[in-house]
Amino acid sequence: MLSKQKKVSIEELKGYTIPFLGNKRVLPYGDLVVSDGKNRKTCKIQDEGAKQYISFDRKKYYVRNAGSLYHPRYVIVGSIEDAAARLKEAGYNCEIQSDMTLMVYYKDNGTDHTQVAVCDESREGYFTIEGRVQNLVDWIKAG
């Protein structure tokens, strides 16, 4: 069941800083320009242990760097962009079809594919894959 929440997207990264000696932070940080279609706001990336998050419209959204240290590309954890980045890191070929679904081609056969869809934004890491709600990382490990 899809939630009725607004689709929040990251538009731009500003003031990206990689911490060096003497800095109290460990993870790279900066400001993200975030939009939900109506409102647009610049949000500071905050640390929560090994996780990072932003606060937008009084809600916490976890983010991660799907790029590299020197070429960052932040995505909201649990979004379809996050799923596509995780699948590409695992060596899958995939195409984003909409803001809720993507097409994933199996590794063993170039023409066979399945659809991955956001099922519930409140369950981090779970998507509708092959008609069932599954954890994306577990599905990748199963191959």
Protein backbone atom coordinates (compact mmCIF):
# COMPACT_ATOMS: atom_id res chain seq x y z
CA MET A 1 0.00 0.00 0.00
CA LEU A 2 1.43 3.33 -1.02
CA SER A 3 1.55 6.08 1.52
CA LYS A 4 -0.10 9.43 0.85
CA GLN A 5 3.03 11.44 1.68
CA LYS A 6 4.42 14.09 -0.64
CA LYS A 7 7.27 13.06 -2.93
CA VAL A 8 10.40 14.78 -1.65
CA SER A 9 13.38 15.11 -3.97
CA ILE A 10 16.91 16.45 -3.68
CA GLU A 11 17.62 19.12 -6.27
CA GLU A 12 21.13 20.33 -5.45
CA LEU A 13 24.09 19.93 -3.09
CA LYS A 14 25.66 23.15 -1.76
CA GLY A 15 28.71 23.78 0.38
CA TYR A 16 29.97 20.19 0.35
CA THR A 17 32.78 19.70 2.88
CA ILE A 18 35.04 16.72 3.47
CA PRO A 19 36.23 16.90 7.09
CA PHE A 20 39.97 16.80 7.78
CA LEU A 21 42.09 17.05 10.93
CA GLY A 22 40.71 19.34 13.62
CA ASN A 23 37.12 19.05 12.47
CA LYS A 24 34.57 17.60 14.92
CA ARG A 25 32.68 15.79 12.15
CA VAL A 26 33.63 12.46 10.59
CA LEU A 27 31.24 12.18 7.62
CA PRO A 28 31.21 14.60 4.67
CA TYR A 29 28.44 17.19 4.97
CA GLY A 30 26.85 20.21 3.33
CA ASP A 31 23.48 21.69 2.49
CA LEU A 32 20.84 20.05 0.27
CA VAL A 33 18.22 21.97 -1.68
CA VAL A 34 15.06 19.88 -1.20
CA SER A 35 11.65 20.24 -2.83
CA ASP A 36 8.25 18.56 -2.57
CA GLY A 37 6.78 20.23 -5.66
CA LYS A 38 5.33 23.19 -3.74
CA ASN A 39 7.96 24.18 -1.19
CA ARG A 40 11.70 24.48 -1.74
CA LYS A 41 14.12 24.67 1.16
CA THR A 42 17.84 24.42 1.90
CA CYS A 43 18.45 21.79 4.61
CA LYS A 44 21.65 21.07 6.52
CA ILE A 45 22.88 17.48 6.54
CA GLN A 46 22.94 16.29 10.17
CA ASP A 47 24.76 13.28 11.63
CA GLU A 48 23.14 10.57 13.73
CA GLY A 49 25.94 8.13 14.44
CA ALA A 50 26.85 6.52 11.11
CA LYS A 51 23.65 7.78 9.46
CA GLN A 52 22.91 11.20 8.00
CA TYR A 53 19.57 12.95 7.75
CA ILE A 54 17.82 16.18 6.82
CA SER A 55 14.71 17.75 8.31
CA PHE A 56 12.11 18.96 5.83
CA ASP A 57 8.56 20.03 6.65
CA ARG A 58 9.02 18.81 10.26
CA LYS A 59 9.91 15.29 9.11
CA LYS A 60 13.26 13.49 9.22
CA TYR A 61 14.56 12.00 5.94
CA TYR A 62 17.67 9.81 5.99
CA VAL A 63 20.10 10.46 3.15
CA ARG A 64 23.20 8.70 1.84
CA ASN A 65 25.90 9.44 -0.68
CA ALA A 66 25.28 7.17 -3.69
CA GLY A 67 28.28 8.68 -5.49
CA SER A 68 31.90 8.78 -4.43
CA LEU A 69 33.69 10.92 -1.85
CA TYR A 70 34.86 13.48 -4.42
CA HIS A 71 31.81 13.22 -6.72
CA PRO A 72 28.89 13.05 -4.26
CA ARG A 73 25.30 12.30 -5.26
CA TYR A 74 23.00 12.30 -2.26
CA VAL A 75 19.74 10.31 -2.38
CA ILE A 76 16.94 9.87 0.13
CA VAL A 77 17.17 6.41 1.69
CA GLY A 78 14.24 4.28 0.56
CA SER A 79 13.55 6.31 -2.59
CA ILE A 80 13.53 4.77 -6.06
CA GLU A 81 16.80 6.61 -6.80
CA ASP A 82 18.35 4.91 -3.76
CA ALA A 83 17.14 1.49 -4.98
CA ALA A 84 18.58 2.14 -8.46
CA ALA A 85 21.94 3.20 -6.99
CA ARG A 86 22.12 0.07 -4.78
CA LEU A 87 21.28 -2.19 -7.74
CA LYS A 88 23.89 -0.52 -9.97
CA GLU A 89 26.49 -0.94 -7.20
CA ALA A 90 25.64 -4.68 -7.22
CA GLY A 91 26.14 -4.88 -11.00
CA TYR A 92 22.52 -4.89 -12.18
CA ASN A 93 21.34 -2.93 -15.21
CA CYS A 94 18.22 -0.92 -14.36
CA GLU A 95 16.07 1.89 -15.72
CA ILE A 96 13.91 4.28 -13.68
CA GLN A 97 10.39 4.23 -15.15
CA SER A 98 8.71 6.68 -12.75
CA ASP A 99 9.24 8.17 -9.30
CA MET A 100 7.86 4.94 -7.80
CA THR A 101 9.08 2.11 -10.11
CA LEU A 102 12.14 0.88 -11.96
CA MET A 103 12.90 -2.00 -14.31
CA VAL A 104 15.74 -4.33 -13.30
CA TYR A 105 17.38 -6.72 -15.77
CA TYR A 106 18.61 -10.05 -14.39
CA LYS A 107 22.36 -10.66 -14.52
CA ASP A 108 22.15 -14.10 -16.15
CA ASN A 109 19.85 -13.13 -19.04
CA GLY A 110 20.00 -9.71 -20.67
CA THR A 111 16.34 -9.66 -21.79
CA ASP A 112 14.57 -10.95 -18.66
CA HIS A 113 13.62 -8.30 -16.13
CA THR A 114 11.52 -7.59 -13.07
CA GLN A 115 9.92 -4.48 -11.67
CA VAL A 116 10.89 -2.89 -8.36
CA ALA A 117 8.41 -0.47 -6.80
CA VAL A 118 8.26 1.64 -3.64
CA CYS A 119 5.66 -0.08 -1.46
CA ASP A 120 5.72 1.83 1.82
CA GLU A 121 8.05 4.70 2.64
CA SER A 122 7.84 3.96 6.36
CA ARG A 123 9.67 0.60 5.97
CA GLU A 124 13.24 1.44 5.11
CA GLY A 125 14.80 -0.88 2.52
CA TYR A 126 11.63 -2.78 1.57
CA PHE A 127 10.24 -2.69 -1.97
CA THR A 128 7.74 -4.68 -4.04
CA ILE A 129 9.95 -7.06 -6.04
CA GLU A 130 8.59 -9.92 -8.15
CA GLY A 131 5.12 -9.32 -6.70
CA ARG A 132 6.23 -9.64 -3.05
CA VAL A 133 7.40 -7.14 -0.46
CA GLN A 134 11.10 -7.91 0.04
CA ASN A 135 14.20 -6.30 1.48
CA LEU A 136 16.27 -5.02 -1.45
CA VAL A 137 19.64 -5.92 0.11
CA ASP A 138 18.46 -9.49 0.82
CA TRP A 139 17.15 -9.82 -2.76
CA ILE A 140 20.52 -8.67 -4.14
CA LYS A 141 22.38 -11.17 -1.91
CA ALA A 142 20.11 -14.00 -3.09
CA GLY A 143 21.09 -13.11 -6.65
